[in-house]
Amino acid sequence: MYFERLKDEVRQGRSVRSSTERGFNSAIRTIITADVASFLGAFLLWWLTVGPVRGFAFFLGISVVLDLIVAYFFTRPVVALLSRSERLTSTRFLGLNSSRERALEQSGAPS
């Protein structure tokens, strides 16, 4: 989700560096919504069942919490650091270069 939002921001003509923050801010709402729905499902499964299904629900809840932690404390800073590297932003890393080319084609600007 985050990387697609990042590409959308680049397609709109923003720099990779500014797109990382804007993309994360719009993606985190979707990530939180999806994780809350999954956590509610895990809680209901844990509460209404017994045995192995309850264990599955417990680990599903743990994985949802870990997904939020990884998205906020790992993915966001790593992508922000990578966006500062000119070498990575000028290559086809994560498809950003093709997004930039597509934005130029749509605007009619010469490459």
PDB file of N, CA and C in Angstrom:
ATOM      1  N   MET A   1       0.830  -1.184   0.000  1.00  0.00           N
ATOM      2  CA  MET A   1       0.000   0.000   0.000  1.00  0.00           C
ATOM      3  C   MET A   1       0.885   1.263   0.000  1.00  0.00           C
ATOM      4  N   TYR A   2       1.868   1.275   0.865  1.00  0.00           N
ATOM      5  CA  TYR A   2       2.728   2.450   0.997  1.00  0.00           C
ATOM      6  C   TYR A   2       3.475   2.725  -0.302  1.00  0.00           C
ATOM      7  N   PHE A   3       4.005   1.671  -0.921  1.00  0.00           N
ATOM      8  CA  PHE A   3       4.796   1.864  -2.127  1.00  0.00           C
ATOM      9  C   PHE A   3       3.932   2.320  -3.301  1.00  0.00           C
ATOM     10  N   GLU A   4       2.698   1.861  -3.349  1.00  0.00           N
ATOM     11  CA  GLU A   4       1.803   2.332  -4.407  1.00  0.00           C
ATOM     12  C   GLU A   4       1.449   3.803  -4.218  1.00  0.00           C
ATOM     13  N   ARG A   5       1.231   4.208  -2.982  1.00  0.00           N
ATOM     14  CA  ARG A   5       0.974   5.633  -2.716  1.00  0.00           C
ATOM     15  C   ARG A   5       2.193   6.475  -3.063  1.00  0.00           C
ATOM     16  N   LEU A   6       3.362   5.940  -2.789  1.00  0.00           N
ATOM     17  CA  LEU A   6       4.606   6.635  -3.123  1.00  0.00           C
ATOM     18  C   LEU A   6       4.706   6.840  -4.639  1.00  0.00           C
ATOM     19  N   LYS A   7       4.388   5.797  -5.394  1.00  0.00           N
ATOM     20  CA  LYS A   7       4.417   5.915  -6.861  1.00  0.00           C
ATOM     21  C   LYS A   7       3.367   6.907  -7.355  1.00  0.00           C
ATOM     22  N   ASP A   8       2.189   6.913  -6.737  1.00  0.00           N
ATOM     23  CA  ASP A   8       1.151   7.869  -7.129  1.00  0.00           C
ATOM     24  C   ASP A   8       1.620   9.306  -6.925  1.00  0.00           C
ATOM     25  N   GLU A   9       2.279   9.560  -5.815  1.00  0.00           N
ATOM     26  CA  GLU A   9       2.784  10.907  -5.539  1.00  0.00           C
ATOM     27  C   GLU A   9       3.855  11.307  -6.559  1.00  0.00           C
ATOM     28  N   VAL A  10       4.721  10.367  -6.926  1.00  0.00           N
ATOM     29  CA  VAL A  10       5.756  10.653  -7.924  1.00  0.00           C
ATOM     30  C   VAL A  10       5.111  10.922  -9.282  1.00  0.00           C
ATOM     31  N   ARG A  11       4.069  10.156  -9.621  1.00  0.00           N
ATOM     32  CA  ARG A  11       3.363  10.376 -10.889  1.00  0.00           C
ATOM     33  C   ARG A  11       2.728  11.757 -10.957  1.00  0.00           C
ATOM     34  N   GLN A  12       2.364  12.305  -9.797  1.00  0.00           N
ATOM     35  CA  GLN A  12       1.762  13.639  -9.755  1.00  0.00           C
ATOM     36  C   GLN A  12       2.805  14.743  -9.863  1.00  0.00           C
ATOM     37  N   GLY A  13       4.076  14.364  -9.982  1.00  0.00           N
ATOM     38  CA  GLY A  13       5.125  15.339 -10.220  1.00  0.00           C
ATOM     39  C   GLY A  13       5.920  15.756  -8.995  1.00  0.00           C
ATOM     40  N   ARG A  14       5.682  15.131  -7.872  1.00  0.00           N
ATOM     41  CA  ARG A  14       6.442  15.474  -6.668  1.00  0.00           C
ATOM     42  C   ARG A  14       7.777  14.733  -6.666  1.00  0.00           C
ATOM     43  N   SER A  15       8.705  15.236  -5.896  1.00  0.00           N
ATOM     44  CA  SER A  15      10.003  14.555  -5.776  1.00  0.00           C
ATOM     45  C   SER A  15       9.823  13.298  -4.923  1.00  0.00           C
ATOM     46  N   VAL A  16      10.769  12.388  -5.040  1.00  0.00           N
ATOM     47  CA  VAL A  16      10.696  11.144  -4.274  1.00  0.00           C
ATOM     48  C   VAL A  16      10.763  11.447  -2.789  1.00  0.00           C
ATOM     49  N   ARG A  17      11.591  12.401  -2.438  1.00  0.00           N
ATOM     50  CA  ARG A  17      11.770  12.736  -1.026  1.00  0.00           C
ATOM     51  C   ARG A  17      10.487  13.279  -0.390  1.00  0.00           C
ATOM     52  N   SER A  18       9.800  14.179  -1.074  1.00  0.00           N
ATOM     53  CA  SER A  18       8.549  14.705  -0.515  1.00  0.00           C
ATOM     54  C   SER A  18       7.414  13.694  -0.633  1.00  0.00           C
ATOM     55  N   SER A  19       7.519  12.793  -1.603  1.00  0.00           N
ATOM     56  CA  SER A  19       6.483  11.774  -1.784  1.00  0.00           C
ATOM     57  C   SER A  19       6.483  10.743  -0.661  1.00  0.00           C
ATOM     58  N   THR A  20       7.646  10.519  -0.048  1.00  0.00           N
ATOM     59  CA  THR A  20       7.703   9.506   1.009  1.00  0.00           C
ATOM     60  C   THR A  20       6.818   9.890   2.185  1.00  0.00           C
ATOM     61  N   GLU A  21       6.878  11.131   2.607  1.00  0.00           N
ATOM     62  CA  GLU A  21       6.062  11.557   3.753  1.00  0.00           C
ATOM     63  C   GLU A  21       4.589  11.643   3.390  1.00  0.00           C
ATOM     64  N   ARG A  22       4.283  12.238   2.255  1.00  0.00           N
ATOM     65  CA  ARG A  22       2.876  12.352   1.830  1.00  0.00           C
ATOM     66  C   ARG A  22       2.268  10.983   1.569  1.00  0.00           C
ATOM     67  N   GLY A  23       3.040  10.102   0.955  1.00  0.00           N
ATOM     68  CA  GLY A  23       2.553   8.757   0.681  1.00  0.00           C
ATOM     69  C   GLY A  23       2.299   7.976   1.950  1.00  0.00           C
ATOM     70  N   PHE A  24       3.198   8.128   2.929  1.00  0.00           N
ATOM     71  CA  PHE A  24       3.003   7.406   4.187  1.00  0.00           C
ATOM     72  C   PHE A  24       1.785   7.929   4.928  1.00  0.00           C
ATOM     73  N   ASN A  25       1.598   9.245   4.944  1.00  0.00           N
ATOM     74  CA  ASN A  25       0.455   9.810   5.662  1.00  0.00           C
ATOM     75  C   ASN A  25      -0.869   9.324   5.092  1.00  0.00           C
ATOM     76  N   SER A  26      -0.951   9.161   3.792  1.00  0.00           N
ATOM     77  CA  SER A  26      -2.206   8.663   3.224  1.00  0.00           C
ATOM     78  C   SER A  26      -2.311   7.139   3.348  1.00  0.00           C
ATOM     79  N   ALA A  27      -1.188   6.433   3.333  1.00  0.00           N
ATOM     80  CA  ALA A  27      -1.221   4.976   3.423  1.00  0.00           C
ATOM     81  C   ALA A  27      -1.459   4.484   4.847  1.00  0.00           C
ATOM     82  N   ILE A  28      -0.994   5.217   5.841  1.00  0.00           N
ATOM     83  CA  ILE A  28      -1.113   4.731   7.215  1.00  0.00           C
ATOM     84  C   ILE A  28      -2.573   4.623   7.643  1.00  0.00           C
ATOM     85  N   ARG A  29      -3.422   5.502   7.135  1.00  0.00           N
ATOM     86  CA  ARG A  29      -4.850   5.401   7.472  1.00  0.00           C
ATOM     87  C   ARG A  29      -5.435   4.093   6.960  1.00  0.00           C
ATOM     88  N   THR A  30      -5.063   3.708   5.750  1.00  0.00           N
ATOM     89  CA  THR A  30      -5.543   2.455   5.186  1.00  0.00           C
ATOM     90  C   THR A  30      -4.964   1.266   5.943  1.00  0.00           C
ATOM     91  N   ILE A  31      -3.708   1.343   6.303  1.00  0.00           N
ATOM     92  CA  ILE A  31      -3.061   0.264   7.048  1.00  0.00           C
ATOM     93  C   ILE A  31      -3.736   0.092   8.400  1.00  0.00           C
ATOM     94  N   ILE A  32      -4.002   1.191   9.095  1.00  0.00           N
ATOM     95  CA  ILE A  32      -4.648   1.115  10.406  1.00  0.00           C
ATOM     96  C   ILE A  32      -6.056   0.551  10.277  1.00  0.00           C
ATOM     97  N   THR A  33      -6.808   0.996   9.279  1.00  0.00           N
ATOM     98  CA  THR A  33      -8.165   0.491   9.088  1.00  0.00           C
ATOM     99  C   THR A  33      -8.167  -1.016   8.841  1.00  0.00           C
ATOM    100  N   ALA A  34      -7.288  -1.481   7.979  1.00  0.00           N
ATOM    101  CA  ALA A  34      -7.212  -2.910   7.687  1.00  0.00           C
ATOM    102  C   ALA A  34      -6.786  -3.703   8.918  1.00  0.00           C
ATOM    103  N   ASP A  35      -5.835  -3.179   9.677  1.00  0.00           N
ATOM    104  CA  ASP A  35      -5.364  -3.887  10.857  1.00  0.00           C
ATOM    105  C   ASP A  35      -6.396  -3.894  11.980  1.00  0.00           C
ATOM    106  N   VAL A  36      -7.154  -2.833  12.121  1.00  0.00           N
ATOM    107  CA  VAL A  36      -8.218  -2.822  13.133  1.00  0.00           C
ATOM    108  C   VAL A  36      -9.277  -3.867  12.784  1.00  0.00           C
ATOM    109  N   ALA A  37      -9.662  -3.952  11.523  1.00  0.00           N
ATOM    110  CA  ALA A  37     -10.642  -4.959  11.102  1.00  0.00           C
ATOM    111  C   ALA A  37     -10.105  -6.373  11.348  1.00  0.00           C
ATOM    112  N   SER A  38      -8.845  -6.605  11.028  1.00  0.00           N
ATOM    113  CA  SER A  38      -8.242  -7.921  11.263  1.00  0.00           C
ATOM    114  C   SER A  38      -8.147  -8.233  12.743  1.00  0.00           C
ATOM    115  N   PHE A  39      -7.814  -7.229  13.553  1.00  0.00           N
ATOM    116  CA  PHE A  39      -7.703  -7.447  14.989  1.00  0.00           C
ATOM    117  C   PHE A  39      -9.067  -7.749  15.604  1.00  0.00           C
ATOM    118  N   LEU A  40     -10.111  -7.061  15.145  1.00  0.00           N
ATOM    119  CA  LEU A  40     -11.456  -7.361  15.634  1.00  0.00           C
ATOM    120  C   LEU A  40     -11.860  -8.790  15.278  1.00  0.00           C
ATOM    121  N   GLY A  41     -11.546  -9.201  14.064  1.00  0.00           N
ATOM    122  CA  GLY A  41     -11.817 -10.584  13.669  1.00  0.00           C
ATOM    123  C   GLY A  41     -11.051 -11.572  14.529  1.00  0.00           C
ATOM    124  N   ALA A  42      -9.790 -11.279  14.809  1.00  0.00           N
ATOM    125  CA  ALA A  42      -8.977 -12.156  15.652  1.00  0.00           C
ATOM    126  C   ALA A  42      -9.535 -12.211  17.070  1.00  0.00           C
ATOM    127  N   PHE A  43      -9.954 -11.073  17.594  1.00  0.00           N
ATOM    128  CA  PHE A  43     -10.517 -11.052  18.944  1.00  0.00           C
ATOM    129  C   PHE A  43     -11.814 -11.853  19.016  1.00  0.00           C
ATOM    130  N   LEU A  44     -12.687 -11.660  18.039  1.00  0.00           N
ATOM    131  CA  LEU A  44     -13.949 -12.417  18.032  1.00  0.00           C
ATOM    132  C   LEU A  44     -13.698 -13.913  17.892  1.00  0.00           C
ATOM    133  N   LEU A  45     -12.759 -14.276  17.046  1.00  0.00           N
ATOM    134  CA  LEU A  45     -12.412 -15.695  16.911  1.00  0.00           C
ATOM    135  C   LEU A  45     -11.872 -16.249  18.223  1.00  0.00           C
ATOM    136  N   TRP A  46     -11.016 -15.493  18.874  1.00  0.00           N
ATOM    137  CA  TRP A  46     -10.442 -15.955  20.141  1.00  0.00           C
ATOM    138  C   TRP A  46     -11.522 -16.091  21.213  1.00  0.00           C
ATOM    139  N   TRP A  47     -12.446 -15.152  21.238  1.00  0.00           N
ATOM    140  CA  TRP A  47     -13.479 -15.118  22.270  1.00  0.00           C
ATOM    141  C   TRP A  47     -14.535 -16.202  22.060  1.00  0.00           C
ATOM    142  N   LEU A  48     -14.874 -16.514  20.826  1.00  0.00           N
ATOM    143  CA  LEU A  48     -15.977 -17.424  20.529  1.00  0.00           C
ATOM    144  C   LEU A  48     -15.560 -18.878  20.301  1.00  0.00           C
ATOM    145  N   THR A  49     -14.265 -19.160  20.257  1.00  0.00           N
ATOM    146  CA  THR A  49     -13.833 -20.515  19.933  1.00  0.00           C
ATOM    147  C   THR A  49     -12.973 -21.109  21.037  1.00  0.00           C
ATOM    148  N   VAL A  50     -12.629 -22.392  20.842  1.00  0.00           N
ATOM    149  CA  VAL A  50     -11.744 -23.099  21.775  1.00  0.00           C
ATOM    150  C   VAL A  50     -10.714 -23.879  20.973  1.00  0.00           C
ATOM    151  N   GLY A  51      -9.696 -24.354  21.654  1.00  0.00           N
ATOM    152  CA  GLY A  51      -8.716 -25.243  21.039  1.00  0.00           C
ATOM    153  C   GLY A  51      -7.787 -24.559  20.060  1.00  0.00           C
ATOM    154  N   PRO A  52      -7.461 -25.278  18.977  1.00  0.00           N
ATOM    155  CA  PRO A  52      -6.496 -24.768  18.005  1.00  0.00           C
ATOM    156  C   PRO A  52      -6.945 -23.477  17.318  1.00  0.00           C
ATOM    157  N   VAL A  53      -8.240 -23.299  17.157  1.00  0.00           N
ATOM    158  CA  VAL A  53      -8.720 -22.074  16.509  1.00  0.00           C
ATOM    159  C   VAL A  53      -8.417 -20.868  17.387  1.00  0.00           C
ATOM    160  N   ARG A  54      -8.504 -21.061  18.686  1.00  0.00           N
ATOM    161  CA  ARG A  54      -8.186 -19.975  19.610  1.00  0.00           C
ATOM    162  C   ARG A  54      -6.703 -19.612  19.520  1.00  0.00           C
ATOM    163  N   GLY A  55      -5.853 -20.605  19.356  1.00  0.00           N
ATOM    164  CA  GLY A  55      -4.421 -20.341  19.169  1.00  0.00           C
ATOM    165  C   GLY A  55      -4.159 -19.597  17.872  1.00  0.00           C
ATOM    166  N   PHE A  56      -4.867 -19.969  16.795  1.00  0.00           N
ATOM    167  CA  PHE A  56      -4.737 -19.259  15.538  1.00  0.00           C
ATOM    168  C   PHE A  56      -5.150 -17.802  15.706  1.00  0.00           C
ATOM    169  N   ALA A  57      -6.258 -17.573  16.397  1.00  0.00           N
ATOM    170  CA  ALA A  57      -6.741 -16.206  16.609  1.00  0.00           C
ATOM    171  C   ALA A  57      -5.736 -15.389  17.418  1.00  0.00           C
ATOM    172  N   PHE A  58      -5.122 -16.009  18.397  1.00  0.00           N
ATOM    173  CA  PHE A  58      -4.127 -15.324  19.215  1.00  0.00           C
ATOM    174  C   PHE A  58      -2.941 -14.872  18.353  1.00  0.00           C
ATOM    175  N   PHE A  59      -2.429 -15.779  17.529  1.00  0.00           N
ATOM    176  CA  PHE A  59      -1.283 -15.427  16.683  1.00  0.00           C
ATOM    177  C   PHE A  59      -1.664 -14.468  15.568  1.00  0.00           C
ATOM    178  N   LEU A  60      -2.900 -14.514  15.107  1.00  0.00           N
ATOM    179  CA  LEU A  60      -3.369 -13.526  14.144  1.00  0.00           C
ATOM    180  C   LEU A  60      -3.364 -12.139  14.776  1.00  0.00           C
ATOM    181  N   GLY A  61      -3.829 -12.034  16.017  1.00  0.00           N
ATOM    182  CA  GLY A  61      -3.800 -10.751  16.728  1.00  0.00           C
ATOM    183  C   GLY A  61      -2.390 -10.234  16.914  1.00  0.00           C
ATOM    184  N   ILE A  62      -1.474 -11.127  17.268  1.00  0.00           N
ATOM    185  CA  ILE A  62      -0.072 -10.723  17.432  1.00  0.00           C
ATOM    186  C   ILE A  62       0.503 -10.231  16.098  1.00  0.00           C
ATOM    187  N   SER A  63       0.189 -10.921  15.009  1.00  0.00           N
ATOM    188  CA  SER A  63       0.734 -10.516  13.711  1.00  0.00           C
ATOM    189  C   SER A  63       0.178  -9.166  13.268  1.00  0.00           C
ATOM    190  N   VAL A  64      -1.052  -8.870  13.634  1.00  0.00           N
ATOM    191  CA  VAL A  64      -1.636  -7.570  13.287  1.00  0.00           C
ATOM    192  C   VAL A  64      -0.917  -6.449  14.032  1.00  0.00           C
ATOM    193  N   VAL A  65      -0.658  -6.660  15.299  1.00  0.00           N
ATOM    194  CA  VAL A  65       0.059  -5.656  16.095  1.00  0.00           C
ATOM    195  C   VAL A  65       1.481  -5.479  15.550  1.00  0.00           C
ATOM    196  N   LEU A  66       2.136  -6.578  15.219  1.00  0.00           N
ATOM    197  CA  LEU A  66       3.488  -6.488  14.656  1.00  0.00           C
ATOM    198  C   LEU A  66       3.494  -5.795  13.303  1.00  0.00           C
ATOM    199  N   ASP A  67       2.434  -5.973  12.520  1.00  0.00           N
ATOM    200  CA  ASP A  67       2.337  -5.291  11.230  1.00  0.00           C
ATOM    201  C   ASP A  67       2.320  -3.781  11.419  1.00  0.00           C
ATOM    202  N   LEU A  68       1.571  -3.305  12.389  1.00  0.00           N
ATOM    203  CA  LEU A  68       1.546  -1.866  12.669  1.00  0.00           C
ATOM    204  C   LEU A  68       2.909  -1.360  13.131  1.00  0.00           C
ATOM    205  N   ILE A  69       3.544  -2.115  13.995  1.00  0.00           N
ATOM    206  CA  ILE A  69       4.857  -1.709  14.509  1.00  0.00           C
ATOM    207  C   ILE A  69       5.885  -1.655  13.381  1.00  0.00           C
ATOM    208  N   VAL A  70       5.905  -2.674  12.537  1.00  0.00           N
ATOM    209  CA  VAL A  70       6.872  -2.709  11.433  1.00  0.00           C
ATOM    210  C   VAL A  70       6.593  -1.590  10.435  1.00  0.00           C
ATOM    211  N   ALA A  71       5.332  -1.350  10.124  1.00  0.00           N
ATOM    212  CA  ALA A  71       4.998  -0.294   9.158  1.00  0.00           C
ATOM    213  C   ALA A  71       5.457   1.067   9.649  1.00  0.00           C
ATOM    214  N   TYR A  72       5.264   1.336  10.929  1.00  0.00           N
ATOM    215  CA  TYR A  72       5.577   2.667  11.437  1.00  0.00           C
ATOM    216  C   TYR A  72       7.048   2.831  11.817  1.00  0.00           C
ATOM    217  N   PHE A  73       7.612   1.837  12.491  1.00  0.00           N
ATOM    218  CA  PHE A  73       8.965   2.004  13.024  1.00  0.00           C
ATOM    219  C   PHE A  73      10.072   1.437  12.141  1.00  0.00           C
ATOM    220  N   PHE A  74       9.733   0.675  11.094  1.00  0.00           N
ATOM    221  CA  PHE A  74      10.774   0.138  10.232  1.00  0.00           C
ATOM    222  C   PHE A  74      10.609   0.604   8.786  1.00  0.00           C
ATOM    223  N   THR A  75       9.468   0.332   8.184  1.00  0.00           N
ATOM    224  CA  THR A  75       9.282   0.648   6.773  1.00  0.00           C
ATOM    225  C   THR A  75       9.385   2.137   6.504  1.00  0.00           C
ATOM    226  N   ARG A  76       8.722   2.937   7.319  1.00  0.00           N
ATOM    227  CA  ARG A  76       8.739   4.385   7.107  1.00  0.00           C
ATOM    228  C   ARG A  76      10.164   4.959   7.159  1.00  0.00           C
ATOM    229  N   PRO A  77      10.943   4.685   8.216  1.00  0.00           N
ATOM    230  CA  PRO A  77      12.304   5.255   8.253  1.00  0.00           C
ATOM    231  C   PRO A  77      13.224   4.718   7.156  1.00  0.00           C
ATOM    232  N   VAL A  78      13.093   3.433   6.818  1.00  0.00           N
ATOM    233  CA  VAL A  78      13.968   2.870   5.794  1.00  0.00           C
ATOM    234  C   VAL A  78      13.684   3.513   4.443  1.00  0.00           C
ATOM    235  N   VAL A  79      12.413   3.675   4.094  1.00  0.00           N
ATOM    236  CA  VAL A  79      12.080   4.300   2.818  1.00  0.00           C
ATOM    237  C   VAL A  79      12.500   5.765   2.823  1.00  0.00           C
ATOM    238  N   ALA A  80      12.365   6.440   3.956  1.00  0.00           N
ATOM    239  CA  ALA A  80      12.810   7.837   4.045  1.00  0.00           C
ATOM    240  C   ALA A  80      14.325   7.940   3.832  1.00  0.00           C
ATOM    241  N   LEU A  81      15.078   7.016   4.404  1.00  0.00           N
ATOM    242  CA  LEU A  81      16.533   7.016   4.193  1.00  0.00           C
ATOM    243  C   LEU A  81      16.887   6.697   2.747  1.00  0.00           C
ATOM    244  N   LEU A  82      16.195   5.739   2.163  1.00  0.00           N
ATOM    245  CA  LEU A  82      16.472   5.380   0.772  1.00  0.00           C
ATOM    246  C   LEU A  82      16.100   6.509  -0.187  1.00  0.00           C
ATOM    247  N   SER A  83      15.098   7.302   0.165  1.00  0.00           N
ATOM    248  CA  SER A  83      14.682   8.394  -0.724  1.00  0.00           C
ATOM    249  C   SER A  83      15.711   9.515  -0.770  1.00  0.00           C
ATOM    250  N   ARG A  84      16.623   9.549   0.179  1.00  0.00           N
ATOM    251  CA  ARG A  84      17.673  10.570   0.189  1.00  0.00           C
ATOM    252  C   ARG A  84      18.857  10.192  -0.686  1.00  0.00           C
ATOM    253  N   SER A  85      18.912   8.932  -1.106  1.00  0.00           N
ATOM    254  CA  SER A  85      20.016   8.465  -1.928  1.00  0.00           C
ATOM    255  C   SER A  85      19.715   8.747  -3.399  1.00  0.00           C
ATOM    256  N   GLU A  86      20.521   9.584  -3.999  1.00  0.00           N
ATOM    257  CA  GLU A  86      20.334   9.942  -5.411  1.00  0.00           C
ATOM    258  C   GLU A  86      20.515   8.723  -6.311  1.00  0.00           C
ATOM    259  N   ARG A  87      21.400   7.848  -5.913  1.00  0.00           N
ATOM    260  CA  ARG A  87      21.671   6.649  -6.706  1.00  0.00           C
ATOM    261  C   ARG A  87      20.435   5.752  -6.800  1.00  0.00           C
ATOM    262  N   LEU A  88      19.704   5.608  -5.701  1.00  0.00           N
ATOM    263  CA  LEU A  88      18.526   4.748  -5.705  1.00  0.00           C
ATOM    264  C   LEU A  88      17.311   5.422  -6.334  1.00  0.00           C
ATOM    265  N   THR A  89      17.174   6.725  -6.178  1.00  0.00           N
ATOM    266  CA  THR A  89      16.003   7.398  -6.732  1.00  0.00           C
ATOM    267  C   THR A  89      16.125   7.630  -8.230  1.00  0.00           C
ATOM    268  N   SER A  90      17.340   7.557  -8.765  1.00  0.00           N
ATOM    269  CA  SER A  90      17.495   7.762 -10.202  1.00  0.00           C
ATOM    270  C   SER A  90      17.438   6.447 -10.978  1.00  0.00           C
ATOM    271  N   THR A  91      17.404   5.310 -10.300  1.00  0.00           N
ATOM    272  CA  THR A  91      17.297   4.015 -10.970  1.00  0.00           C
ATOM    273  C   THR A  91      15.838   3.577 -10.994  1.00  0.00           C
ATOM    274  N   ARG A  92      15.610   2.385 -11.418  1.00  0.00           N
ATOM    275  CA  ARG A  92      14.249   1.849 -11.475  1.00  0.00           C
ATOM    276  C   ARG A  92      13.844   1.201 -10.154  1.00  0.00           C
ATOM    277  N   PHE A  93      14.411   1.617  -9.053  1.00  0.00           N
ATOM    278  CA  PHE A  93      14.120   1.078  -7.738  1.00  0.00           C
ATOM    279  C   PHE A  93      12.653   1.306  -7.391  1.00  0.00           C
ATOM    280  N   LEU A  94      11.944   0.253  -7.091  1.00  0.00           N
ATOM    281  CA  LEU A  94      10.518   0.276  -6.737  1.00  0.00           C
ATOM    282  C   LEU A  94       9.629   0.799  -7.858  1.00  0.00           C
ATOM    283  N   GLY A  95      10.147   0.900  -9.061  1.00  0.00           N
ATOM    284  CA  GLY A  95       9.341   1.380 -10.178  1.00  0.00           C
ATOM    285  C   GLY A  95       9.146   2.880 -10.191  1.00  0.00           C
ATOM    286  N   LEU A  96       9.936   3.620  -9.427  1.00  0.00           N
ATOM    287  CA  LEU A  96       9.766   5.067  -9.344  1.00  0.00           C
ATOM    288  C   LEU A  96      10.155   5.763 -10.633  1.00  0.00           C
ATOM    289  N   ASN A  97      11.167   5.259 -11.313  1.00  0.00           N
ATOM    290  CA  ASN A  97      11.603   5.900 -12.550  1.00  0.00           C
ATOM    291  C   ASN A  97      10.532   5.777 -13.620  1.00  0.00           C
ATOM    292  N   SER A  98       9.885   4.606 -13.711  1.00  0.00           N
ATOM    293  CA  SER A  98       8.829   4.442 -14.705  1.00  0.00           C
ATOM    294  C   SER A  98       7.627   5.317 -14.360  1.00  0.00           C
ATOM    295  N   SER A  99       7.373   5.542 -13.075  1.00  0.00           N
ATOM    296  CA  SER A  99       6.291   6.443 -12.675  1.00  0.00           C
ATOM    297  C   SER A  99       6.599   7.874 -13.091  1.00  0.00           C
ATOM    298  N   ARG A 100       7.862   8.259 -12.945  1.00  0.00           N
ATOM    299  CA  ARG A 100       8.281   9.594 -13.333  1.00  0.00           C
ATOM    300  C   ARG A 100       8.156   9.781 -14.848  1.00  0.00           C
ATOM    301  N   GLU A 101       8.562   8.755 -15.597  1.00  0.00           N
ATOM    302  CA  GLU A 101       8.462   8.811 -17.062  1.00  0.00           C
ATOM    303  C   GLU A 101       7.005   8.905 -17.503  1.00  0.00           C
ATOM    304  N   ARG A 102       6.132   8.147 -16.856  1.00  0.00           N
ATOM    305  CA  ARG A 102       4.716   8.186 -17.201  1.00  0.00           C
ATOM    306  C   ARG A 102       4.118   9.548 -16.913  1.00  0.00           C
ATOM    307  N   ALA A 103       4.528  10.160 -15.829  1.00  0.00           N
ATOM    308  CA  ALA A 103       4.031  11.503 -15.494  1.00  0.00           C
ATOM    309  C   ALA A 103       4.483  12.516 -16.539  1.00  0.00           C
ATOM    310  N   LEU A 104       5.716  12.386 -17.013  1.00  0.00           N
ATOM    311  CA  LEU A 104       6.218  13.288 -18.054  1.00  0.00           C
ATOM    312  C   LEU A 104       5.475  13.091 -19.373  1.00  0.00           C
ATOM    313  N   GLU A 105       5.174  11.837 -19.710  1.00  0.00           N
ATOM    314  CA  GLU A 105       4.433  11.561 -20.939  1.00  0.00           C
ATOM    315  C   GLU A 105       3.033  12.165 -20.898  1.00  0.00           C
ATOM    316  N   GLN A 106       2.375  12.059 -19.742  1.00  0.00           N
ATOM    317  CA  GLN A 106       1.009  12.585 -19.613  1.00  0.00           C
ATOM    318  C   GLN A 106       0.975  14.100 -19.632  1.00  0.00           C
ATOM    319  N   SER A 107       2.038  14.722 -19.123  1.00  0.00           N
ATOM    320  CA  SER A 107       2.050  16.179 -19.108  1.00  0.00           C
ATOM    321  C   SER A 107       2.469  16.757 -20.457  1.00  0.00           C
ATOM    322  N   GLY A 108       3.082  15.935 -21.306  1.00  0.00           N
ATOM    323  CA  GLY A 108       3.515  16.392 -22.620  1.00  0.00           C
ATOM    324  C   GLY A 108       4.858  17.086 -22.605  1.00  0.00           C
ATOM    325  N   ALA A 109       5.569  17.016 -21.476  1.00  0.00           N
ATOM    326  CA  ALA A 109       6.883  17.659 -21.378  1.00  0.00           C
ATOM    327  C   ALA A 109       7.928  16.784 -22.060  1.00  0.00           C
ATOM    328  N   PRO A 110       8.925  17.393 -22.680  1.00  0.00           N
ATOM    329  CA  PRO A 110       9.984  16.593 -23.315  1.00  0.00           C
ATOM    330  C   PRO A 110      10.872  15.951 -22.269  1.00  0.00           C
ATOM    331  N   SER A 111      11.377  14.727 -22.518  1.00  0.00           N
ATOM    332  CA  SER A 111      12.201  14.043 -21.528  1.00  0.00           C
ATOM    333  C   SER A 111      13.603  14.474 -21.548  1.00  0.00           C
TER     334      SER A 111
END
